[in-house]
Structure formats: structure tokens, C-alpha cells
Amino acid sequence: MNIPLRVLCFSLAISALHWIQASAQTNQQLLQERLISPAVYELLKRRGAETPFERLEVIQEACRARQLPPSDCGSSKRRRTD
């Protein structure tokens, strides 16, 4: 993956997380509403990240370290078929 694409993917992840961050939901509620995946839920639980800011930091760090799948980092690719 080249640098500009990484920056775009990272920006998408941040944008998605800002939307999640706007709500004052618990990690369990986010999981139940399918706003986060089970992998993200477990990561947040292990790291004790409960506030929106803590969640964002943990997820960003995990994405940079490639500890989460691309779909959890906002970089999944969707293809259109014509």
C-alpha cells in the first residue's frame, strides 16, 4: 500500500470513529448496535478504553500496528460490478 492510500485509509478510519465518538455509548452498546466489530470490542476491553477519546487512540494505534483487519480500520475496498 502506498503512502497516499494509507493516509486516505487512515483519514476514513478517523472520520468513522469521530461519528462513533459523538455518541456517549458504552463499548457493549456499540457492539450490540454493530458500530464496532467483536475484534474491536475485545481490543477496547483488553486495553480498558472506555471513553470516546481512549477508544479512538486504541483503535488508531492498533490500525497503525496492523493488529486489526482493514475493515475495522476504514480501509476495506468495495468493488462495483457493472
PDB file of N, CA and C in Angstrom:
ATOM      1  N   MET A   1       0.853  -1.167   0.000  1.00  0.00           N
ATOM      2  CA  MET A   1       0.000   0.000   0.000  1.00  0.00           C
ATOM      3  C   MET A   1       0.899   1.231   0.000  1.00  0.00           C
ATOM      4  N   ASN A   2       0.652   2.148  -0.910  1.00  0.00           N
ATOM      5  CA  ASN A   2       1.498   3.331  -0.955  1.00  0.00           C
ATOM      6  C   ASN A   2       1.066   4.360   0.084  1.00  0.00           C
ATOM      7  N   ILE A   3       1.905   5.341   0.329  1.00  0.00           N
ATOM      8  CA  ILE A   3       1.683   6.322   1.397  1.00  0.00           C
ATOM      9  C   ILE A   3       0.382   7.111   1.221  1.00  0.00           C
ATOM     10  N   PRO A   4       0.079   7.689   0.036  1.00  0.00           N
ATOM     11  CA  PRO A   4      -1.178   8.442  -0.080  1.00  0.00           C
ATOM     12  C   PRO A   4      -2.413   7.587   0.214  1.00  0.00           C
ATOM     13  N   LEU A   5      -2.397   6.340  -0.189  1.00  0.00           N
ATOM     14  CA  LEU A   5      -3.530   5.463   0.082  1.00  0.00           C
ATOM     15  C   LEU A   5      -3.635   5.190   1.579  1.00  0.00           C
ATOM     16  N   ARG A   6      -2.524   5.025   2.246  1.00  0.00           N
ATOM     17  CA  ARG A   6      -2.542   4.827   3.704  1.00  0.00           C
ATOM     18  C   ARG A   6      -3.130   6.045   4.400  1.00  0.00           C
ATOM     19  N   VAL A   7      -2.738   7.222   3.947  1.00  0.00           N
ATOM     20  CA  VAL A   7      -3.250   8.454   4.547  1.00  0.00           C
ATOM     21  C   VAL A   7      -4.758   8.535   4.344  1.00  0.00           C
ATOM     22  N   LEU A   8      -5.225   8.208   3.153  1.00  0.00           N
ATOM     23  CA  LEU A   8      -6.659   8.226   2.870  1.00  0.00           C
ATOM     24  C   LEU A   8      -7.388   7.224   3.762  1.00  0.00           C
ATOM     25  N   CYS A   9      -6.867   6.027   3.860  1.00  0.00           N
ATOM     26  CA  CYS A   9      -7.492   4.999   4.686  1.00  0.00           C
ATOM     27  C   CYS A   9      -7.529   5.415   6.150  1.00  0.00           C
ATOM     28  N   PHE A  10      -6.446   5.977   6.616  1.00  0.00           N
ATOM     29  CA  PHE A  10      -6.374   6.426   7.999  1.00  0.00           C
ATOM     30  C   PHE A  10      -7.376   7.546   8.233  1.00  0.00           C
ATOM     31  N   SER A  11      -7.517   8.450   7.266  1.00  0.00           N
ATOM     32  CA  SER A  11      -8.484   9.546   7.371  1.00  0.00           C
ATOM     33  C   SER A  11      -9.905   9.010   7.431  1.00  0.00           C
ATOM     34  N   LEU A  12     -10.177   7.988   6.614  1.00  0.00           N
ATOM     35  CA  LEU A  12     -11.507   7.381   6.643  1.00  0.00           C
ATOM     36  C   LEU A  12     -11.795   6.754   8.002  1.00  0.00           C
ATOM     37  N   ALA A  13     -10.797   6.097   8.554  1.00  0.00           N
ATOM     38  CA  ALA A  13     -10.966   5.472   9.869  1.00  0.00           C
ATOM     39  C   ALA A  13     -11.241   6.527  10.930  1.00  0.00           C
ATOM     40  N   ILE A  14     -10.505   7.609  10.867  1.00  0.00           N
ATOM     41  CA  ILE A  14     -10.707   8.688  11.840  1.00  0.00           C
ATOM     42  C   ILE A  14     -12.099   9.278  11.692  1.00  0.00           C
ATOM     43  N   SER A  15     -12.532   9.490  10.460  1.00  0.00           N
ATOM     44  CA  SER A  15     -13.869  10.046  10.229  1.00  0.00           C
ATOM     45  C   SER A  15     -14.948   9.135  10.802  1.00  0.00           C
ATOM     46  N   ALA A  16     -14.807   7.849  10.559  1.00  0.00           N
ATOM     47  CA  ALA A  16     -15.781   6.895  11.087  1.00  0.00           C
ATOM     48  C   ALA A  16     -15.774   6.900  12.611  1.00  0.00           C
ATOM     49  N   LEU A  17     -14.609   6.989  13.188  1.00  0.00           N
ATOM     50  CA  LEU A  17     -14.509   6.971  14.645  1.00  0.00           C
ATOM     51  C   LEU A  17     -15.026   8.265  15.265  1.00  0.00           C
ATOM     52  N   HIS A  18     -14.893   9.373  14.563  1.00  0.00           N
ATOM     53  CA  HIS A  18     -15.453  10.625  15.073  1.00  0.00           C
ATOM     54  C   HIS A  18     -16.967  10.520  15.175  1.00  0.00           C
ATOM     55  N   TRP A  19     -17.588   9.847  14.217  1.00  0.00           N
ATOM     56  CA  TRP A  19     -19.025   9.658  14.269  1.00  0.00           C
ATOM     57  C   TRP A  19     -19.386   8.821  15.486  1.00  0.00           C
ATOM     58  N   ILE A  20     -18.644   7.758  15.701  1.00  0.00           N
ATOM     59  CA  ILE A  20     -18.879   6.916  16.876  1.00  0.00           C
ATOM     60  C   ILE A  20     -18.592   7.705  18.148  1.00  0.00           C
ATOM     61  N   GLN A  21     -17.564   8.508  18.103  1.00  0.00           N
ATOM     62  CA  GLN A  21     -17.143   9.287  19.261  1.00  0.00           C
ATOM     63  C   GLN A  21     -18.216  10.276  19.689  1.00  0.00           C
ATOM     64  N   ALA A  22     -19.034  10.725  18.756  1.00  0.00           N
ATOM     65  CA  ALA A  22     -20.057  11.716  19.068  1.00  0.00           C
ATOM     66  C   ALA A  22     -21.099  11.172  20.031  1.00  0.00           C
ATOM     67  N   SER A  23     -21.266   9.877  20.074  1.00  0.00           N
ATOM     68  CA  SER A  23     -22.246   9.300  20.982  1.00  0.00           C
ATOM     69  C   SER A  23     -21.563   8.891  22.279  1.00  0.00           C
ATOM     70  N   ALA A  24     -22.319   8.928  23.334  1.00  0.00           N
ATOM     71  CA  ALA A  24     -21.772   8.580  24.647  1.00  0.00           C
ATOM     72  C   ALA A  24     -22.174   7.159  25.019  1.00  0.00           C
ATOM     73  N   GLN A  25     -21.971   6.244  24.103  1.00  0.00           N
ATOM     74  CA  GLN A  25     -22.363   4.866  24.323  1.00  0.00           C
ATOM     75  C   GLN A  25     -21.226   4.064  24.935  1.00  0.00           C
ATOM     76  N   THR A  26     -21.614   2.980  25.600  1.00  0.00           N
ATOM     77  CA  THR A  26     -20.606   2.073  26.137  1.00  0.00           C
ATOM     78  C   THR A  26     -20.095   1.192  25.003  1.00  0.00           C
ATOM     79  N   ASN A  27     -18.979   0.535  25.243  1.00  0.00           N
ATOM     80  CA  ASN A  27     -18.436  -0.396  24.259  1.00  0.00           C
ATOM     81  C   ASN A  27     -19.441  -1.504  23.957  1.00  0.00           C
ATOM     82  N   GLN A  28     -20.133  -1.977  24.998  1.00  0.00           N
ATOM     83  CA  GLN A  28     -21.133  -3.034  24.814  1.00  0.00           C
ATOM     84  C   GLN A  28     -22.257  -2.548  23.905  1.00  0.00           C
ATOM     85  N   GLN A  29     -22.715  -1.316  24.096  1.00  0.00           N
ATOM     86  CA  GLN A  29     -23.776  -0.774  23.242  1.00  0.00           C
ATOM     87  C   GLN A  29     -23.296  -0.627  21.802  1.00  0.00           C
ATOM     88  N   LEU A  30     -22.062  -0.180  21.635  1.00  0.00           N
ATOM     89  CA  LEU A  30     -21.510  -0.038  20.291  1.00  0.00           C
ATOM     90  C   LEU A  30     -21.459  -1.393  19.588  1.00  0.00           C
ATOM     91  N   LEU A  31     -21.091  -2.427  20.327  1.00  0.00           N
ATOM     92  CA  LEU A  31     -21.042  -3.776  19.772  1.00  0.00           C
ATOM     93  C   LEU A  31     -22.450  -4.262  19.420  1.00  0.00           C
ATOM     94  N   GLN A  32     -23.374  -4.067  20.340  1.00  0.00           N
ATOM     95  CA  GLN A  32     -24.747  -4.523  20.109  1.00  0.00           C
ATOM     96  C   GLN A  32     -25.374  -3.831  18.898  1.00  0.00           C
ATOM     97  N   GLU A  33     -25.036  -2.576  18.689  1.00  0.00           N
ATOM     98  CA  GLU A  33     -25.579  -1.834  17.549  1.00  0.00           C
ATOM     99  C   GLU A  33     -24.730  -2.022  16.289  1.00  0.00           C
ATOM    100  N   ARG A  34     -23.738  -2.898  16.388  1.00  0.00           N
ATOM    101  CA  ARG A  34     -22.848  -3.234  15.269  1.00  0.00           C
ATOM    102  C   ARG A  34     -22.088  -2.031  14.725  1.00  0.00           C
ATOM    103  N   LEU A  35     -21.780  -1.096  15.633  1.00  0.00           N
ATOM    104  CA  LEU A  35     -20.966   0.053  15.254  1.00  0.00           C
ATOM    105  C   LEU A  35     -19.485  -0.266  15.383  1.00  0.00           C
ATOM    106  N   ILE A  36     -19.181  -1.306  16.147  1.00  0.00           N
ATOM    107  CA  ILE A  36     -17.822  -1.835  16.227  1.00  0.00           C
ATOM    108  C   ILE A  36     -17.908  -3.345  16.081  1.00  0.00           C
ATOM    109  N   SER A  37     -16.826  -3.934  15.628  1.00  0.00           N
ATOM    110  CA  SER A  37     -16.779  -5.387  15.445  1.00  0.00           C
ATOM    111  C   SER A  37     -16.416  -6.066  16.767  1.00  0.00           C
ATOM    112  N   PRO A  38     -16.645  -7.374  16.839  1.00  0.00           N
ATOM    113  CA  PRO A  38     -16.212  -8.111  18.035  1.00  0.00           C
ATOM    114  C   PRO A  38     -14.704  -7.966  18.286  1.00  0.00           C
ATOM    115  N   ALA A  39     -13.907  -7.901  17.220  1.00  0.00           N
ATOM    116  CA  ALA A  39     -12.451  -7.738  17.389  1.00  0.00           C
ATOM    117  C   ALA A  39     -12.123  -6.394  18.041  1.00  0.00           C
ATOM    118  N   VAL A  40     -12.798  -5.343  17.612  1.00  0.00           N
ATOM    119  CA  VAL A  40     -12.572  -4.011  18.199  1.00  0.00           C
ATOM    120  C   VAL A  40     -13.060  -4.005  19.643  1.00  0.00           C
ATOM    121  N   TYR A  41     -14.204  -4.610  19.898  1.00  0.00           N
ATOM    122  CA  TYR A  41     -14.734  -4.689  21.255  1.00  0.00           C
ATOM    123  C   TYR A  41     -13.730  -5.353  22.193  1.00  0.00           C
ATOM    124  N   GLU A  42     -13.200  -6.496  21.774  1.00  0.00           N
ATOM    125  CA  GLU A  42     -12.234  -7.214  22.610  1.00  0.00           C
ATOM    126  C   GLU A  42     -10.971  -6.393  22.833  1.00  0.00           C
ATOM    127  N   LEU A  43     -10.513  -5.715  21.792  1.00  0.00           N
ATOM    128  CA  LEU A  43      -9.331  -4.859  21.921  1.00  0.00           C
ATOM    129  C   LEU A  43      -9.581  -3.748  22.934  1.00  0.00           C
ATOM    130  N   LEU A  44     -10.713  -3.075  22.818  1.00  0.00           N
ATOM    131  CA  LEU A  44     -11.044  -1.987  23.742  1.00  0.00           C
ATOM    132  C   LEU A  44     -11.170  -2.507  25.168  1.00  0.00           C
ATOM    133  N   LYS A  45     -11.754  -3.671  25.304  1.00  0.00           N
ATOM    134  CA  LYS A  45     -11.921  -4.283  26.620  1.00  0.00           C
ATOM    135  C   LYS A  45     -10.557  -4.603  27.240  1.00  0.00           C
ATOM    136  N   ARG A  46      -9.676  -5.225  26.457  1.00  0.00           N
ATOM    137  CA  ARG A  46      -8.329  -5.571  26.950  1.00  0.00           C
ATOM    138  C   ARG A  46      -7.544  -4.336  27.361  1.00  0.00           C
ATOM    139  N   ARG A  47      -7.698  -3.258  26.598  1.00  0.00           N
ATOM    140  CA  ARG A  47      -6.921  -2.041  26.858  1.00  0.00           C
ATOM    141  C   ARG A  47      -7.601  -1.105  27.852  1.00  0.00           C
ATOM    142  N   GLY A  48      -8.819  -1.438  28.270  1.00  0.00           N
ATOM    143  CA  GLY A  48      -9.532  -0.600  29.242  1.00  0.00           C
ATOM    144  C   GLY A  48      -9.973   0.729  28.667  1.00  0.00           C
ATOM    145  N   ALA A  49     -10.175   0.780  27.361  1.00  0.00           N
ATOM    146  CA  ALA A  49     -10.577   2.023  26.692  1.00  0.00           C
ATOM    147  C   ALA A  49     -12.091   2.159  26.764  1.00  0.00           C
ATOM    148  N   GLU A  50     -12.561   3.123  27.537  1.00  0.00           N
ATOM    149  CA  GLU A  50     -13.995   3.283  27.721  1.00  0.00           C
ATOM    150  C   GLU A  50     -14.517   4.629  27.244  1.00  0.00           C
ATOM    151  N   THR A  51     -13.679   5.638  27.233  1.00  0.00           N
ATOM    152  CA  THR A  51     -14.142   6.946  26.767  1.00  0.00           C
ATOM    153  C   THR A  51     -13.956   7.038  25.256  1.00  0.00           C
ATOM    154  N   PRO A  52     -14.688   7.918  24.619  1.00  0.00           N
ATOM    155  CA  PRO A  52     -14.523   8.075  23.168  1.00  0.00           C
ATOM    156  C   PRO A  52     -13.074   8.387  22.776  1.00  0.00           C
ATOM    157  N   PHE A  53     -12.400   9.237  23.522  1.00  0.00           N
ATOM    158  CA  PHE A  53     -11.016   9.578  23.210  1.00  0.00           C
ATOM    159  C   PHE A  53     -10.105   8.364  23.361  1.00  0.00           C
ATOM    160  N   GLU A  54     -10.282   7.588  24.431  1.00  0.00           N
ATOM    161  CA  GLU A  54      -9.468   6.380  24.632  1.00  0.00           C
ATOM    162  C   GLU A  54      -9.708   5.377  23.505  1.00  0.00           C
ATOM    163  N   ARG A  55     -10.972   5.211  23.122  1.00  0.00           N
ATOM    164  CA  ARG A  55     -11.301   4.294  22.025  1.00  0.00           C
ATOM    165  C   ARG A  55     -10.568   4.689  20.752  1.00  0.00           C
ATOM    166  N   LEU A  56     -10.654   5.958  20.432  1.00  0.00           N
ATOM    167  CA  LEU A  56     -10.022   6.458  19.209  1.00  0.00           C
ATOM    168  C   LEU A  56      -8.522   6.198  19.227  1.00  0.00           C
ATOM    169  N   GLU A  57      -7.875   6.499  20.334  1.00  0.00           N
ATOM    170  CA  GLU A  57      -6.430   6.279  20.442  1.00  0.00           C
ATOM    171  C   GLU A  57      -6.070   4.796  20.285  1.00  0.00           C
ATOM    172  N   VAL A  58      -6.804   3.927  20.961  1.00  0.00           N
ATOM    173  CA  VAL A  58      -6.513   2.493  20.913  1.00  0.00           C
ATOM    174  C   VAL A  58      -6.716   1.951  19.504  1.00  0.00           C
ATOM    175  N   ILE A  59      -7.809   2.340  18.867  1.00  0.00           N
ATOM    176  CA  ILE A  59      -8.095   1.833  17.524  1.00  0.00           C
ATOM    177  C   ILE A  59      -7.074   2.359  16.517  1.00  0.00           C
ATOM    178  N   GLN A  60      -6.729   3.634  16.619  1.00  0.00           N
ATOM    179  CA  GLN A  60      -5.718   4.193  15.710  1.00  0.00           C
ATOM    180  C   GLN A  60      -4.390   3.467  15.866  1.00  0.00           C
ATOM    181  N   GLU A  61      -3.987   3.246  17.101  1.00  0.00           N
ATOM    182  CA  GLU A  61      -2.729   2.551  17.370  1.00  0.00           C
ATOM    183  C   GLU A  61      -2.759   1.127  16.807  1.00  0.00           C
ATOM    184  N   ALA A  62      -3.862   0.440  17.026  1.00  0.00           N
ATOM    185  CA  ALA A  62      -3.993  -0.940  16.531  1.00  0.00           C
ATOM    186  C   ALA A  62      -3.995  -0.977  15.005  1.00  0.00           C
ATOM    187  N   CYS A  63      -4.603   0.006  14.379  1.00  0.00           N
ATOM    188  CA  CYS A  63      -4.612   0.053  12.911  1.00  0.00           C
ATOM    189  C   CYS A  63      -3.207   0.317  12.370  1.00  0.00           C
ATOM    190  N   ARG A  64      -2.493   1.232  13.003  1.00  0.00           N
ATOM    191  CA  ARG A  64      -1.118   1.510  12.569  1.00  0.00           C
ATOM    192  C   ARG A  64      -0.237   0.274  12.717  1.00  0.00           C
ATOM    193  N   ALA A  65      -0.483  -0.499  13.762  1.00  0.00           N
ATOM    194  CA  ALA A  65       0.308  -1.706  14.023  1.00  0.00           C
ATOM    195  C   ALA A  65      -0.250  -2.924  13.284  1.00  0.00           C
ATOM    196  N   ARG A  66      -1.284  -2.710  12.498  1.00  0.00           N
ATOM    197  CA  ARG A  66      -1.941  -3.785  11.737  1.00  0.00           C
ATOM    198  C   ARG A  66      -2.413  -4.923  12.637  1.00  0.00           C
ATOM    199  N   GLN A  67      -2.931  -4.551  13.799  1.00  0.00           N
ATOM    200  CA  GLN A  67      -3.475  -5.530  14.737  1.00  0.00           C
ATOM    201  C   GLN A  67      -4.960  -5.782  14.510  1.00  0.00           C
ATOM    202  N   LEU A  68      -5.566  -4.978  13.642  1.00  0.00           N
ATOM    203  CA  LEU A  68      -6.972  -5.138  13.301  1.00  0.00           C
ATOM    204  C   LEU A  68      -7.094  -5.344  11.798  1.00  0.00           C
ATOM    205  N   PRO A  69      -8.142  -6.016  11.361  1.00  0.00           N
ATOM    206  CA  PRO A  69      -8.316  -6.193   9.918  1.00  0.00           C
ATOM    207  C   PRO A  69      -8.627  -4.852   9.244  1.00  0.00           C
ATOM    208  N   PRO A  70      -8.332  -4.734   7.961  1.00  0.00           N
ATOM    209  CA  PRO A  70      -8.582  -3.480   7.240  1.00  0.00           C
ATOM    210  C   PRO A  70     -10.017  -2.986   7.370  1.00  0.00           C
ATOM    211  N   SER A  71     -10.974  -3.889   7.452  1.00  0.00           N
ATOM    212  CA  SER A  71     -12.373  -3.476   7.563  1.00  0.00           C
ATOM    213  C   SER A  71     -12.644  -2.703   8.852  1.00  0.00           C
ATOM    214  N   ASP A  72     -11.858  -2.945   9.892  1.00  0.00           N
ATOM    215  CA  ASP A  72     -12.014  -2.222  11.149  1.00  0.00           C
ATOM    216  C   ASP A  72     -11.226  -0.915  11.164  1.00  0.00           C
ATOM    217  N   CYS A  73     -10.441  -0.713  10.133  1.00  0.00           N
ATOM    218  CA  CYS A  73      -9.623   0.499  10.060  1.00  0.00           C
ATOM    219  C   CYS A  73     -10.097   1.432   8.947  1.00  0.00           C
ATOM    220  N   GLY A  74     -11.258   1.152   8.404  1.00  0.00           N
ATOM    221  CA  GLY A  74     -11.810   2.028   7.377  1.00  0.00           C
ATOM    222  C   GLY A  74     -11.157   1.888   6.028  1.00  0.00           C
ATOM    223  N   SER A  75     -10.440   0.791   5.796  1.00  0.00           N
ATOM    224  CA  SER A  75      -9.738   0.660   4.526  1.00  0.00           C
ATOM    225  C   SER A  75     -10.203  -0.543   3.719  1.00  0.00           C
ATOM    226  N   SER A  76     -11.412  -1.010   4.006  1.00  0.00           N
ATOM    227  CA  SER A  76     -11.907  -2.120   3.192  1.00  0.00           C
ATOM    228  C   SER A  76     -12.261  -1.586   1.815  1.00  0.00           C
ATOM    229  N   LYS A  77     -12.036  -2.398   0.813  1.00  0.00           N
ATOM    230  CA  LYS A  77     -12.307  -1.981  -0.555  1.00  0.00           C
ATOM    231  C   LYS A  77     -13.599  -2.622  -1.023  1.00  0.00           C
ATOM    232  N   ARG A  78     -14.453  -1.796  -1.589  1.00  0.00           N
ATOM    233  CA  ARG A  78     -15.698  -2.305  -2.160  1.00  0.00           C
ATOM    234  C   ARG A  78     -15.617  -2.133  -3.660  1.00  0.00           C
ATOM    235  N   ARG A  79     -15.958  -3.180  -4.340  1.00  0.00           N
ATOM    236  CA  ARG A  79     -15.900  -3.134  -5.798  1.00  0.00           C
ATOM    237  C   ARG A  79     -17.307  -3.127  -6.352  1.00  0.00           C
ATOM    238  N   ARG A  80     -17.494  -2.307  -7.350  1.00  0.00           N
ATOM    239  CA  ARG A  80     -18.762  -2.290  -8.063  1.00  0.00           C
ATOM    240  C   ARG A  80     -18.650  -3.186  -9.273  1.00  0.00           C
ATOM    241  N   THR A  81     -19.690  -3.925  -9.481  1.00  0.00           N
ATOM    242  CA  THR A  81     -19.744  -4.709 -10.708  1.00  0.00           C
ATOM    243  C   THR A  81     -20.784  -4.097 -11.609  1.00  0.00           C
ATOM    244  N   ASP A  82     -20.420  -3.873 -12.832  1.00  0.00           N
ATOM    245  CA  ASP A  82     -21.343  -3.238 -13.790  1.00  0.00           C
ATOM    246  C   ASP A  82     -22.081  -4.275 -14.576  1.00  0.00           C
TER     247      ASP A  82
END
